[in-house]
Each structure stands twice: as C-alpha cells, then as structure tokens.
Amino acid sequence: MAGYELNYEALDEDEKKKGAHASEEFLDWVETIIYSFFAVILIFTFLLRIAYVDGESMLPTLVDGDRLIVSYIGYTPKVGDIVIVRSEQLNKAIVKRVIAVENQTVDIDAEAGTVKVDGVLLDEDYILEATKEDVGFHDYPVTVPENCVFVMGDNRMNSTDSRDPRVGFVSEEDILGKVVLRIFPFDSIGTPD
C-alpha cells in the first residue's frame, strides 16, 4: 500500500508541475501579445501610416475606398512613386503620382494627350486615359522648382493635381509619404504600380 501512496504523491507533483508550466506559458503569451501591441503602435506612430483613397482620381491604379500603408521616414521623392500629399488649398490629403522632381521640365500637350519630362515622352501604361485636359495654370514647358515635385492623378480627366492652382508644385515638406502597400480590399492586397 505504501507504494501506491507514493505513486499518488508523484502524480500530484506532476500535476502541480503541469499547472505551473501552463500558467507560465499563459503569462509568456500575454507578455508576447503586449510587446507585439506596443511594437505595432510604435511602428504606426513613427514609421508608417494608414491612408485611404477618397475619390476616383487614381483610377485604374487605386479605387475609392482602398486602404493603404504609407511610409514617410527618410523618403526622397522619385518619378513614378505614388504619394500622399497635404494640400492646404483643398484642406485635405490627396493621393497622386510623382511625374517630375526638382529641376525637371514638364511639357503637357493636351491636344495630343501626351506628357513629356525633360523632352522624353512618358510611357504611362498606368493611366486611365490620355491627358486631354489642362486647366491652363502653367505655360508649358515648365520647370519644377527646388524641393518640389509635379504630381498628377492616373485618371487624368478627373484629377485635381499640379495642373490645378489649388495644388500646383508640391513642396517636398507637404509629402506625407510614399504608398508602399494596399491592404484593403483583401482581394487587392499588394503593391500598387
């Protein structure tokens, strides 16, 4: 009988160890979740932002309601980048494509529907339709000033962009970041081109 009692005691100790192990594992999970939560907060506070598309100015690349991840730390504008721009005149942030950077010359021929940068015709397979409209704000060709960019929407016939006096040349300080990822809708997750 004494042998059986020892076995019972051994089983009780094993159960206690398992219980202690389970509570330690639970606390490890809680700690991991807390650290992950704070890491996400830090990333979205200091490195990335979430933005959404409001309107149709970037069709067909971006659609009204798309949710985007925007990177803004250490960003230097490059031709072709899709960026979020703060517009004081429009009193909102807008999403556009960088067509030209400082010291580049932009020439828009609305009659022919073409855009040239530094005399080179842009290969714009991303636009919805040719650039057949210009509000006449600039006399082309026009050179982009220092620390500025020239932006346009991919839906050229329905975009308020650098062709419009309410946007004009965009100061690099007013660029809130580059779009790096579309996260919604889920069937369109990926890098917008």
N, C-alpha and C. Protein backbone atom coordinates (compact mmCIF):
# COMPACT_ATOMS: atom_id res chain seq x y z
N MET A 1 0.81 -1.20 0.00
CA MET A 1 0.00 0.00 0.00
C MET A 1 0.84 1.25 0.00
N ALA A 2 1.97 1.20 0.71
CA ALA A 2 2.84 2.37 0.77
C ALA A 2 3.32 2.75 -0.61
N GLY A 3 3.55 1.76 -1.46
CA GLY A 3 3.99 2.03 -2.82
C GLY A 3 2.95 2.79 -3.62
N TYR A 4 1.70 2.46 -3.39
CA TYR A 4 0.64 3.15 -4.10
C TYR A 4 0.51 4.60 -3.68
N GLU A 5 0.70 4.84 -2.39
CA GLU A 5 0.63 6.21 -1.90
C GLU A 5 1.73 7.07 -2.51
N LEU A 6 2.91 6.48 -2.63
CA LEU A 6 4.00 7.21 -3.26
C LEU A 6 3.66 7.54 -4.70
N ASN A 7 3.04 6.64 -5.37
CA ASN A 7 2.64 6.90 -6.75
C ASN A 7 1.62 8.02 -6.83
N TYR A 8 0.69 8.03 -5.89
CA TYR A 8 -0.29 9.10 -5.87
C TYR A 8 0.38 10.44 -5.62
N GLU A 9 1.31 10.46 -4.70
CA GLU A 9 2.03 11.69 -4.40
C GLU A 9 2.83 12.14 -5.62
N ALA A 10 3.46 11.20 -6.30
CA ALA A 10 4.24 11.53 -7.50
C ALA A 10 3.32 12.11 -8.57
N LEU A 11 2.15 11.55 -8.72
CA LEU A 11 1.19 12.06 -9.71
C LEU A 11 0.75 13.47 -9.33
N ASP A 12 0.50 13.71 -8.05
CA ASP A 12 0.10 15.05 -7.61
C ASP A 12 1.19 16.07 -7.92
N GLU A 13 2.45 15.71 -7.70
CA GLU A 13 3.55 16.63 -8.00
C GLU A 13 3.65 16.90 -9.49
N ASP A 14 3.44 15.86 -10.32
CA ASP A 14 3.46 16.05 -11.78
C ASP A 14 2.35 17.00 -12.21
N GLU A 15 1.18 16.84 -11.62
CA GLU A 15 0.06 17.72 -11.96
C GLU A 15 0.36 19.16 -11.57
N LYS A 16 0.99 19.35 -10.41
CA LYS A 16 1.37 20.69 -9.97
C LYS A 16 2.36 21.31 -10.95
N LYS A 17 3.34 20.50 -11.42
CA LYS A 17 4.33 21.00 -12.37
C LYS A 17 3.66 21.38 -13.69
N LYS A 18 2.72 20.54 -14.12
CA LYS A 18 1.99 20.85 -15.36
C LYS A 18 1.19 22.13 -15.22
N GLY A 19 0.55 22.31 -14.06
CA GLY A 19 -0.23 23.52 -13.81
C GLY A 19 0.66 24.74 -13.79
N ALA A 20 1.83 24.62 -13.15
CA ALA A 20 2.77 25.75 -13.11
C ALA A 20 3.29 26.04 -14.51
N HIS A 21 3.56 24.98 -15.26
CA HIS A 21 4.05 25.15 -16.63
C HIS A 21 2.99 25.84 -17.51
N ALA A 22 1.73 25.45 -17.35
CA ALA A 22 0.65 26.05 -18.13
C ALA A 22 0.48 27.52 -17.79
N SER A 23 0.57 27.87 -16.51
CA SER A 23 0.42 29.29 -16.14
C SER A 23 1.61 30.11 -16.64
N GLU A 24 2.83 29.52 -16.61
CA GLU A 24 4.00 30.22 -17.16
C GLU A 24 3.84 30.43 -18.66
N GLU A 25 3.33 29.41 -19.35
CA GLU A 25 3.11 29.52 -20.80
C GLU A 25 2.06 30.58 -21.09
N PHE A 26 1.01 30.62 -20.30
CA PHE A 26 -0.03 31.65 -20.47
C PHE A 26 0.56 33.05 -20.28
N LEU A 27 1.37 33.22 -19.25
CA LEU A 27 2.00 34.52 -19.00
C LEU A 27 2.96 34.89 -20.13
N ASP A 28 3.65 33.91 -20.69
CA ASP A 28 4.53 34.17 -21.84
C ASP A 28 3.71 34.68 -23.02
N TRP A 29 2.56 34.07 -23.26
CA TRP A 29 1.70 34.51 -24.36
C TRP A 29 1.19 35.93 -24.13
N VAL A 30 0.76 36.21 -22.90
CA VAL A 30 0.27 37.56 -22.57
C VAL A 30 1.39 38.58 -22.78
N GLU A 31 2.59 38.25 -22.33
CA GLU A 31 3.73 39.14 -22.50
C GLU A 31 4.03 39.38 -23.98
N THR A 32 3.99 38.32 -24.78
CA THR A 32 4.24 38.44 -26.23
C THR A 32 3.19 39.33 -26.89
N ILE A 33 1.94 39.14 -26.51
CA ILE A 33 0.86 39.96 -27.09
C ILE A 33 1.03 41.43 -26.71
N ILE A 34 1.40 41.69 -25.47
CA ILE A 34 1.60 43.09 -25.02
C ILE A 34 2.76 43.73 -25.78
N TYR A 35 3.88 43.01 -25.90
CA TYR A 35 5.03 43.54 -26.65
C TYR A 35 4.67 43.77 -28.11
N SER A 36 3.93 42.85 -28.70
CA SER A 36 3.51 43.00 -30.10
C SER A 36 2.62 44.22 -30.27
N PHE A 37 1.70 44.41 -29.34
CA PHE A 37 0.80 45.55 -29.39
C PHE A 37 1.58 46.86 -29.37
N PHE A 38 2.54 46.97 -28.45
CA PHE A 38 3.35 48.19 -28.37
C PHE A 38 4.26 48.36 -29.59
N ALA A 39 4.75 47.25 -30.14
CA ALA A 39 5.57 47.33 -31.35
C ALA A 39 4.75 47.88 -32.51
N VAL A 40 3.52 47.40 -32.65
CA VAL A 40 2.64 47.90 -33.72
C VAL A 40 2.36 49.38 -33.53
N ILE A 41 2.08 49.79 -32.31
CA ILE A 41 1.83 51.21 -32.02
C ILE A 41 3.05 52.05 -32.40
N LEU A 42 4.23 51.61 -32.00
CA LEU A 42 5.45 52.36 -32.33
C LEU A 42 5.69 52.43 -33.84
N ILE A 43 5.48 51.31 -34.53
CA ILE A 43 5.68 51.29 -35.99
C ILE A 43 4.74 52.27 -36.66
N PHE A 44 3.44 52.23 -36.28
CA PHE A 44 2.47 53.11 -36.94
C PHE A 44 2.53 54.54 -36.43
N THR A 45 3.23 54.79 -35.35
CA THR A 45 3.42 56.16 -34.89
C THR A 45 4.63 56.80 -35.54
N PHE A 46 5.70 56.02 -35.69
CA PHE A 46 6.97 56.61 -36.13
C PHE A 46 7.43 56.19 -37.53
N LEU A 47 6.91 55.12 -38.10
CA LEU A 47 7.42 54.64 -39.39
C LEU A 47 6.38 54.60 -40.50
N LEU A 48 5.18 54.21 -40.19
CA LEU A 48 4.14 54.00 -41.21
C LEU A 48 2.86 54.71 -40.82
N ARG A 49 2.03 54.94 -41.83
CA ARG A 49 0.69 55.48 -41.60
C ARG A 49 -0.30 54.68 -42.44
N ILE A 50 -1.54 54.76 -42.05
CA ILE A 50 -2.60 54.17 -42.86
C ILE A 50 -3.37 55.32 -43.50
N ALA A 51 -3.62 55.21 -44.80
CA ALA A 51 -4.38 56.23 -45.53
C ALA A 51 -5.46 55.52 -46.34
N TYR A 52 -6.44 56.28 -46.77
CA TYR A 52 -7.46 55.69 -47.62
C TYR A 52 -7.70 56.58 -48.83
N VAL A 53 -8.17 55.95 -49.90
CA VAL A 53 -8.43 56.66 -51.15
C VAL A 53 -9.85 57.17 -51.11
N ASP A 54 -10.00 58.47 -51.38
CA ASP A 54 -11.31 59.11 -51.40
C ASP A 54 -11.49 59.74 -52.77
N GLY A 55 -12.19 59.06 -53.65
CA GLY A 55 -12.42 59.59 -54.99
C GLY A 55 -11.85 58.70 -56.07
N GLU A 56 -11.91 59.19 -57.31
CA GLU A 56 -11.55 58.38 -58.46
C GLU A 56 -10.36 58.93 -59.24
N SER A 57 -9.59 59.84 -58.65
CA SER A 57 -8.50 60.47 -59.39
C SER A 57 -7.33 59.55 -59.69
N MET A 58 -7.25 58.40 -59.03
CA MET A 58 -6.14 57.47 -59.28
C MET A 58 -6.57 56.19 -59.99
N LEU A 59 -7.79 56.20 -60.55
CA LEU A 59 -8.22 55.05 -61.35
C LEU A 59 -7.29 54.91 -62.56
N PRO A 60 -6.97 53.75 -63.00
CA PRO A 60 -7.38 52.43 -62.53
C PRO A 60 -6.47 51.85 -61.44
N THR A 61 -5.40 52.55 -61.06
CA THR A 61 -4.43 52.02 -60.10
C THR A 61 -5.03 51.85 -58.72
N LEU A 62 -5.68 52.89 -58.22
CA LEU A 62 -6.31 52.86 -56.90
C LEU A 62 -7.78 53.20 -57.05
N VAL A 63 -8.59 52.58 -56.21
CA VAL A 63 -10.04 52.72 -56.29
C VAL A 63 -10.55 53.38 -55.01
N ASP A 64 -11.63 54.14 -55.14
CA ASP A 64 -12.27 54.77 -53.98
C ASP A 64 -12.48 53.73 -52.89
N GLY A 65 -12.00 54.03 -51.68
CA GLY A 65 -12.17 53.12 -50.55
C GLY A 65 -10.96 52.24 -50.27
N ASP A 66 -9.97 52.21 -51.17
CA ASP A 66 -8.77 51.42 -50.90
C ASP A 66 -8.10 51.91 -49.63
N ARG A 67 -7.55 51.00 -48.86
CA ARG A 67 -6.77 51.34 -47.67
C ARG A 67 -5.30 51.08 -47.98
N LEU A 68 -4.44 52.02 -47.59
CA LEU A 68 -3.03 51.99 -47.99
C LEU A 68 -2.11 52.12 -46.78
N ILE A 69 -0.94 51.49 -46.88
CA ILE A 69 0.12 51.70 -45.91
C ILE A 69 1.10 52.69 -46.55
N VAL A 70 1.44 53.73 -45.80
CA VAL A 70 2.29 54.81 -46.30
C VAL A 70 3.55 54.89 -45.44
N SER A 71 4.71 54.91 -46.08
CA SER A 71 5.99 55.05 -45.38
C SER A 71 6.47 56.49 -45.54
N TYR A 72 6.91 57.10 -44.44
CA TYR A 72 7.30 58.51 -44.54
C TYR A 72 8.63 58.85 -43.90
N ILE A 73 9.29 57.93 -43.25
CA ILE A 73 10.58 58.23 -42.65
C ILE A 73 11.67 58.13 -43.71
N GLY A 74 12.44 59.21 -43.87
CA GLY A 74 13.57 59.19 -44.79
C GLY A 74 13.19 59.05 -46.25
N TYR A 75 11.99 59.47 -46.62
CA TYR A 75 11.54 59.33 -48.00
C TYR A 75 12.07 60.46 -48.88
N THR A 76 12.61 60.09 -50.05
CA THR A 76 13.02 61.04 -51.07
C THR A 76 12.18 60.77 -52.31
N PRO A 77 11.45 61.77 -52.84
CA PRO A 77 10.56 61.53 -53.98
C PRO A 77 11.31 61.06 -55.22
N LYS A 78 10.67 60.11 -55.91
CA LYS A 78 11.19 59.60 -57.18
C LYS A 78 10.05 59.58 -58.19
N VAL A 79 10.39 59.80 -59.45
CA VAL A 79 9.39 59.78 -60.51
C VAL A 79 8.71 58.40 -60.52
N GLY A 80 7.39 58.42 -60.59
CA GLY A 80 6.61 57.19 -60.63
C GLY A 80 6.05 56.78 -59.29
N ASP A 81 6.58 57.33 -58.20
CA ASP A 81 6.07 56.98 -56.86
C ASP A 81 4.63 57.48 -56.69
N ILE A 82 3.85 56.71 -55.98
CA ILE A 82 2.51 57.15 -55.58
C ILE A 82 2.66 57.69 -54.16
N VAL A 83 2.23 58.93 -53.96
CA VAL A 83 2.45 59.61 -52.68
C VAL A 83 1.15 60.19 -52.13
N ILE A 84 1.18 60.43 -50.83
CA ILE A 84 0.10 61.15 -50.16
C ILE A 84 0.61 62.57 -49.93
N VAL A 85 -0.17 63.54 -50.38
CA VAL A 85 0.24 64.95 -50.36
C VAL A 85 -0.75 65.75 -49.52
N ARG A 86 -0.22 66.60 -48.66
CA ARG A 86 -1.07 67.52 -47.88
C ARG A 86 -1.33 68.75 -48.75
N SER A 87 -2.60 69.07 -48.96
CA SER A 87 -2.97 70.23 -49.76
C SER A 87 -3.69 71.25 -48.88
N GLU A 88 -3.02 72.36 -48.63
CA GLU A 88 -3.61 73.43 -47.81
C GLU A 88 -4.87 73.99 -48.49
N GLN A 89 -4.77 74.23 -49.80
CA GLN A 89 -5.89 74.83 -50.53
C GLN A 89 -7.12 73.93 -50.54
N LEU A 90 -6.90 72.62 -50.69
CA LEU A 90 -8.03 71.69 -50.72
C LEU A 90 -8.44 71.27 -49.31
N ASN A 91 -7.62 71.62 -48.32
CA ASN A 91 -7.87 71.31 -46.93
C ASN A 91 -8.01 69.81 -46.67
N LYS A 92 -7.15 69.03 -47.35
CA LYS A 92 -7.15 67.58 -47.15
C LYS A 92 -5.88 66.98 -47.75
N ALA A 93 -5.68 65.71 -47.45
CA ALA A 93 -4.57 64.98 -48.06
C ALA A 93 -5.10 64.28 -49.31
N ILE A 94 -4.26 64.27 -50.36
CA ILE A 94 -4.66 63.65 -51.63
C ILE A 94 -3.59 62.65 -52.05
N VAL A 95 -4.00 61.68 -52.84
CA VAL A 95 -3.06 60.67 -53.33
C VAL A 95 -2.81 60.92 -54.81
N LYS A 96 -1.52 61.00 -55.20
CA LYS A 96 -1.14 61.31 -56.58
C LYS A 96 0.14 60.57 -56.94
N ARG A 97 0.51 60.64 -58.21
CA ARG A 97 1.74 60.03 -58.70
C ARG A 97 2.75 61.14 -59.00
N VAL A 98 4.00 60.93 -58.61
CA VAL A 98 5.07 61.90 -58.91
C VAL A 98 5.42 61.75 -60.39
N ILE A 99 5.28 62.86 -61.12
CA ILE A 99 5.59 62.88 -62.56
C ILE A 99 6.99 63.45 -62.79
N ALA A 100 7.37 64.42 -61.98
CA ALA A 100 8.69 65.04 -62.13
C ALA A 100 9.16 65.56 -60.77
N VAL A 101 10.47 65.59 -60.59
CA VAL A 101 11.06 66.12 -59.35
C VAL A 101 11.79 67.42 -59.67
N GLU A 102 12.40 68.03 -58.65
CA GLU A 102 13.04 69.33 -58.82
C GLU A 102 13.98 69.36 -60.03
N ASN A 103 13.95 70.51 -60.70
CA ASN A 103 14.79 70.82 -61.86
C ASN A 103 14.45 70.04 -63.12
N GLN A 104 13.41 69.20 -63.09
CA GLN A 104 12.98 68.54 -64.31
C GLN A 104 11.94 69.42 -65.00
N THR A 105 11.86 69.28 -66.33
CA THR A 105 10.93 70.08 -67.12
C THR A 105 9.76 69.22 -67.57
N VAL A 106 8.55 69.71 -67.31
CA VAL A 106 7.32 69.01 -67.68
C VAL A 106 6.70 69.73 -68.86
N ASP A 107 6.28 68.96 -69.87
CA ASP A 107 5.59 69.51 -71.02
C ASP A 107 4.35 68.68 -71.30
N ILE A 108 3.18 69.30 -71.13
CA ILE A 108 1.91 68.61 -71.38
C ILE A 108 1.30 69.16 -72.66
N ASP A 109 1.01 68.26 -73.57
CA ASP A 109 0.33 68.62 -74.81
C ASP A 109 -1.07 68.02 -74.74
N ALA A 110 -2.04 68.84 -74.29
CA ALA A 110 -3.41 68.35 -74.10
C ALA A 110 -4.06 67.97 -75.43
N GLU A 111 -3.64 68.62 -76.50
CA GLU A 111 -4.19 68.28 -77.81
C GLU A 111 -3.79 66.87 -78.22
N ALA A 112 -2.52 66.55 -78.03
CA ALA A 112 -2.02 65.21 -78.38
C ALA A 112 -2.25 64.21 -77.25
N GLY A 113 -2.53 64.71 -76.04
CA GLY A 113 -2.75 63.82 -74.91
C GLY A 113 -1.47 63.23 -74.35
N THR A 114 -0.37 63.96 -74.45
CA THR A 114 0.92 63.43 -74.02
C THR A 114 1.55 64.24 -72.90
N VAL A 115 2.43 63.59 -72.17
CA VAL A 115 3.22 64.24 -71.12
C VAL A 115 4.68 63.88 -71.37
N LYS A 116 5.52 64.91 -71.40
CA LYS A 116 6.96 64.70 -71.55
C LYS A 116 7.67 65.27 -70.33
N VAL A 117 8.71 64.59 -69.91
CA VAL A 117 9.58 65.07 -68.84
C VAL A 117 10.99 65.13 -69.40
N ASP A 118 11.58 66.32 -69.34
CA ASP A 118 12.91 66.55 -69.92
C ASP A 118 12.96 66.12 -71.39
N GLY A 119 11.87 66.37 -72.10
CA GLY A 119 11.81 66.08 -73.52
C GLY A 119 11.51 64.64 -73.88
N VAL A 120 11.37 63.77 -72.88
CA VAL A 120 11.12 62.35 -73.13
C VAL A 120 9.65 62.04 -72.85
N LEU A 121 8.99 61.45 -73.85
CA LEU A 121 7.59 61.08 -73.72
C LEU A 121 7.46 59.99 -72.65
N LEU A 122 6.57 60.22 -71.66
CA LEU A 122 6.37 59.23 -70.60
C LEU A 122 5.60 58.03 -71.13
N ASP A 123 6.04 56.84 -70.76
CA ASP A 123 5.32 55.61 -71.06
C ASP A 123 4.39 55.38 -69.88
N GLU A 124 3.14 55.79 -70.03
CA GLU A 124 2.21 55.79 -68.90
C GLU A 124 1.15 54.70 -69.05
N ASP A 125 1.57 53.46 -68.89
CA ASP A 125 0.63 52.35 -69.01
C ASP A 125 -0.33 52.29 -67.82
N TYR A 126 -0.12 53.12 -66.82
CA TYR A 126 -0.94 53.13 -65.61
C TYR A 126 -2.12 54.10 -65.70
N ILE A 127 -2.19 54.97 -66.71
CA ILE A 127 -3.27 55.97 -66.74
C ILE A 127 -4.57 55.37 -67.29
N LEU A 128 -5.68 55.99 -66.90
CA LEU A 128 -6.99 55.55 -67.35
C LEU A 128 -7.23 55.96 -68.80
N GLU A 129 -6.86 57.22 -69.12
CA GLU A 129 -6.98 57.71 -70.49
C GLU A 129 -5.97 58.83 -70.70
N ALA A 130 -5.76 59.19 -71.94
CA ALA A 130 -4.75 60.20 -72.28
C ALA A 130 -5.03 61.54 -71.59
N THR A 131 -3.96 62.33 -71.44
CA THR A 131 -4.04 63.63 -70.77
C THR A 131 -4.58 64.66 -71.77
N LYS A 132 -5.89 64.69 -71.91
CA LYS A 132 -6.53 65.56 -72.90
C LYS A 132 -7.06 66.85 -72.29
N GLU A 133 -6.75 67.06 -71.02
CA GLU A 133 -7.30 68.24 -70.35
C GLU A 133 -6.23 68.92 -69.51
N ASP A 134 -6.22 70.24 -69.56
CA ASP A 134 -5.33 71.02 -68.71
C ASP A 134 -6.06 72.31 -68.39
N VAL A 135 -6.02 72.73 -67.12
CA VAL A 135 -6.76 73.93 -66.72
C VAL A 135 -6.06 75.23 -67.08
N GLY A 136 -4.86 75.13 -67.64
CA GLY A 136 -4.16 76.33 -68.09
C GLY A 136 -3.42 77.08 -67.01
N PHE A 137 -3.14 76.42 -65.90
CA PHE A 137 -2.42 77.07 -64.81
C PHE A 137 -0.96 77.34 -65.17
N HIS A 138 -0.36 76.41 -65.90
CA HIS A 138 1.04 76.55 -66.30
C HIS A 138 1.14 76.84 -67.79
N ASP A 139 2.20 77.56 -68.18
CA ASP A 139 2.58 77.67 -69.58
C ASP A 139 3.68 76.66 -69.79
N TYR A 140 3.38 75.63 -70.57
CA TYR A 140 4.34 74.54 -70.77
C TYR A 140 5.30 74.87 -71.90
N PRO A 141 6.52 74.33 -71.80
CA PRO A 141 7.07 73.53 -70.73
C PRO A 141 7.34 74.35 -69.47
N VAL A 142 7.33 73.66 -68.32
CA VAL A 142 7.55 74.31 -67.03
C VAL A 142 8.58 73.49 -66.24
N THR A 143 9.46 74.18 -65.54
CA THR A 143 10.50 73.51 -64.75
C THR A 143 10.08 73.47 -63.29
N VAL A 144 10.22 72.29 -62.68
CA VAL A 144 9.83 72.10 -61.29
C VAL A 144 10.86 72.79 -60.39
N PRO A 145 10.40 73.67 -59.48
CA PRO A 145 11.32 74.38 -58.59
C PRO A 145 12.05 73.44 -57.61
N GLU A 146 13.10 73.98 -56.99
CA GLU A 146 13.87 73.23 -55.98
C GLU A 146 12.94 72.75 -54.86
N ASN A 147 13.22 71.56 -54.37
CA ASN A 147 12.49 70.96 -53.24
C ASN A 147 10.99 70.82 -53.50
N CYS A 148 10.62 70.66 -54.76
CA CYS A 148 9.22 70.46 -55.13
C CYS A 148 9.09 69.29 -56.09
N VAL A 149 7.85 68.83 -56.26
CA VAL A 149 7.54 67.80 -57.25
C VAL A 149 6.30 68.22 -58.03
N PHE A 150 6.12 67.61 -59.18
CA PHE A 150 4.94 67.80 -60.02
C PHE A 150 4.19 66.48 -59.95
N VAL A 151 2.93 66.53 -59.50
CA VAL A 151 2.15 65.31 -59.33
C VAL A 151 0.90 65.34 -60.21
N MET A 152 0.46 64.14 -60.60
CA MET A 152 -0.78 64.01 -61.37
C MET A 152 -1.49 62.73 -60.92
N GLY A 153 -2.80 62.73 -61.09
CA GLY A 153 -3.57 61.51 -60.85
C GLY A 153 -3.53 60.63 -62.08
N ASP A 154 -3.74 59.34 -61.91
CA ASP A 154 -3.74 58.42 -63.05
C ASP A 154 -5.01 58.56 -63.89
N ASN A 155 -6.06 59.10 -63.31
CA ASN A 155 -7.30 59.38 -64.03
C ASN A 155 -7.22 60.85 -64.47
N ARG A 156 -6.49 61.10 -65.52
CA ARG A 156 -6.12 62.47 -65.92
C ARG A 156 -7.30 63.39 -66.21
N MET A 157 -8.42 62.83 -66.60
CA MET A 157 -9.58 63.66 -66.93
C MET A 157 -10.41 63.97 -65.67
N ASN A 158 -10.04 63.40 -64.54
CA ASN A 158 -10.80 63.61 -63.31
C ASN A 158 -9.84 63.67 -62.12
N SER A 159 -8.87 64.60 -62.18
CA SER A 159 -7.87 64.67 -61.11
C SER A 159 -7.49 66.12 -60.84
N THR A 160 -7.56 66.51 -59.58
CA THR A 160 -7.06 67.80 -59.15
C THR A 160 -5.61 67.57 -58.72
N ASP A 161 -4.68 68.10 -59.51
CA ASP A 161 -3.27 67.82 -59.28
C ASP A 161 -2.43 69.04 -59.61
N SER A 162 -1.16 68.87 -59.93
CA SER A 162 -0.26 70.01 -60.15
C SER A 162 -0.67 70.89 -61.32
N ARG A 163 -1.57 70.45 -62.15
CA ARG A 163 -2.09 71.28 -63.24
C ARG A 163 -3.06 72.32 -62.72
N ASP A 164 -3.52 72.13 -61.51
CA ASP A 164 -4.54 72.99 -60.90
C ASP A 164 -3.87 73.95 -59.91
N PRO A 165 -4.27 75.24 -59.89
CA PRO A 165 -3.63 76.21 -58.99
C PRO A 165 -3.83 75.87 -57.50
N ARG A 166 -4.84 75.07 -57.17
CA ARG A 166 -5.06 74.70 -55.77
C ARG A 166 -4.04 73.68 -55.27
N VAL A 167 -3.32 73.06 -56.20
CA VAL A 167 -2.28 72.09 -55.83
C VAL A 167 -0.93 72.63 -56.30
N GLY A 168 -0.80 72.90 -57.60
CA GLY A 168 0.44 73.44 -58.15
C GLY A 168 1.64 72.55 -57.85
N PHE A 169 2.82 73.15 -57.83
CA PHE A 169 4.01 72.39 -57.45
C PHE A 169 3.88 72.04 -55.98
N VAL A 170 4.22 70.81 -55.63
CA VAL A 170 4.08 70.34 -54.26
C VAL A 170 5.45 70.37 -53.59
N SER A 171 5.52 71.08 -52.47
CA SER A 171 6.75 71.11 -51.68
C SER A 171 7.01 69.72 -51.11
N GLU A 172 8.27 69.31 -51.10
CA GLU A 172 8.61 68.01 -50.52
C GLU A 172 8.17 67.92 -49.06
N GLU A 173 8.09 69.06 -48.37
CA GLU A 173 7.63 69.08 -46.98
C GLU A 173 6.16 68.68 -46.86
N ASP A 174 5.39 68.86 -47.94
CA ASP A 174 3.98 68.52 -47.92
C ASP A 174 3.70 67.09 -48.36
N ILE A 175 4.74 66.33 -48.65
CA ILE A 175 4.56 64.91 -48.98
C ILE A 175 4.53 64.14 -47.67
N LEU A 176 3.40 63.51 -47.39
CA LEU A 176 3.22 62.77 -46.14
C LEU A 176 3.83 61.38 -46.21
N GLY A 177 4.17 60.91 -47.41
CA GLY A 177 4.81 59.61 -47.54
C GLY A 177 4.50 58.94 -48.85
N LYS A 178 5.19 57.85 -49.07
CA LYS A 178 5.03 57.03 -50.28
C LYS A 178 4.13 55.85 -49.97
N VAL A 179 3.21 55.55 -50.88
CA VAL A 179 2.34 54.38 -50.73
C VAL A 179 3.19 53.14 -50.99
N VAL A 180 3.24 52.24 -50.01
CA VAL A 180 4.04 51.03 -50.16
C VAL A 180 3.20 49.77 -50.28
N LEU A 181 1.94 49.83 -49.83
CA LEU A 181 1.12 48.63 -49.85
C LEU A 181 -0.37 48.97 -49.79
N ARG A 182 -1.16 48.25 -50.58
CA ARG A 182 -2.62 48.33 -50.45
C ARG A 182 -3.02 47.18 -49.55
N ILE A 183 -3.78 47.46 -48.47
CA ILE A 183 -4.16 46.42 -47.53
C ILE A 183 -5.65 46.10 -47.56
N PHE A 184 -6.42 46.89 -48.28
CA PHE A 184 -7.86 46.64 -48.40
C PHE A 184 -8.34 47.24 -49.71
N PRO A 185 -9.19 46.57 -50.45
CA PRO A 185 -9.86 45.32 -50.14
C PRO A 185 -8.89 44.13 -50.17
N PHE A 186 -9.26 43.09 -49.45
CA PHE A 186 -8.36 41.96 -49.26
C PHE A 186 -8.00 41.26 -50.56
N ASP A 187 -8.89 41.28 -51.55
CA ASP A 187 -8.57 40.62 -52.82
C ASP A 187 -7.61 41.44 -53.68
N SER A 188 -7.27 42.65 -53.23
CA SER A 188 -6.32 43.51 -53.97
C SER A 188 -5.07 43.84 -53.17
N ILE A 189 -4.80 43.08 -52.13
CA ILE A 189 -3.61 43.34 -51.31
C ILE A 189 -2.36 43.25 -52.18
N GLY A 190 -1.49 44.22 -52.03
CA GLY A 190 -0.24 44.20 -52.78
C GLY A 190 0.29 45.59 -53.01
N THR A 191 1.37 45.67 -53.74
CA THR A 191 1.99 46.95 -54.05
C THR A 191 1.32 47.56 -55.28
N PRO A 192 0.72 48.75 -55.16
CA PRO A 192 0.12 49.37 -56.34
C PRO A 192 1.22 49.90 -57.27
N ASP A 193 1.07 49.69 -58.55
CA ASP A 193 2.09 50.15 -59.52
C ASP A 193 1.70 51.48 -60.11
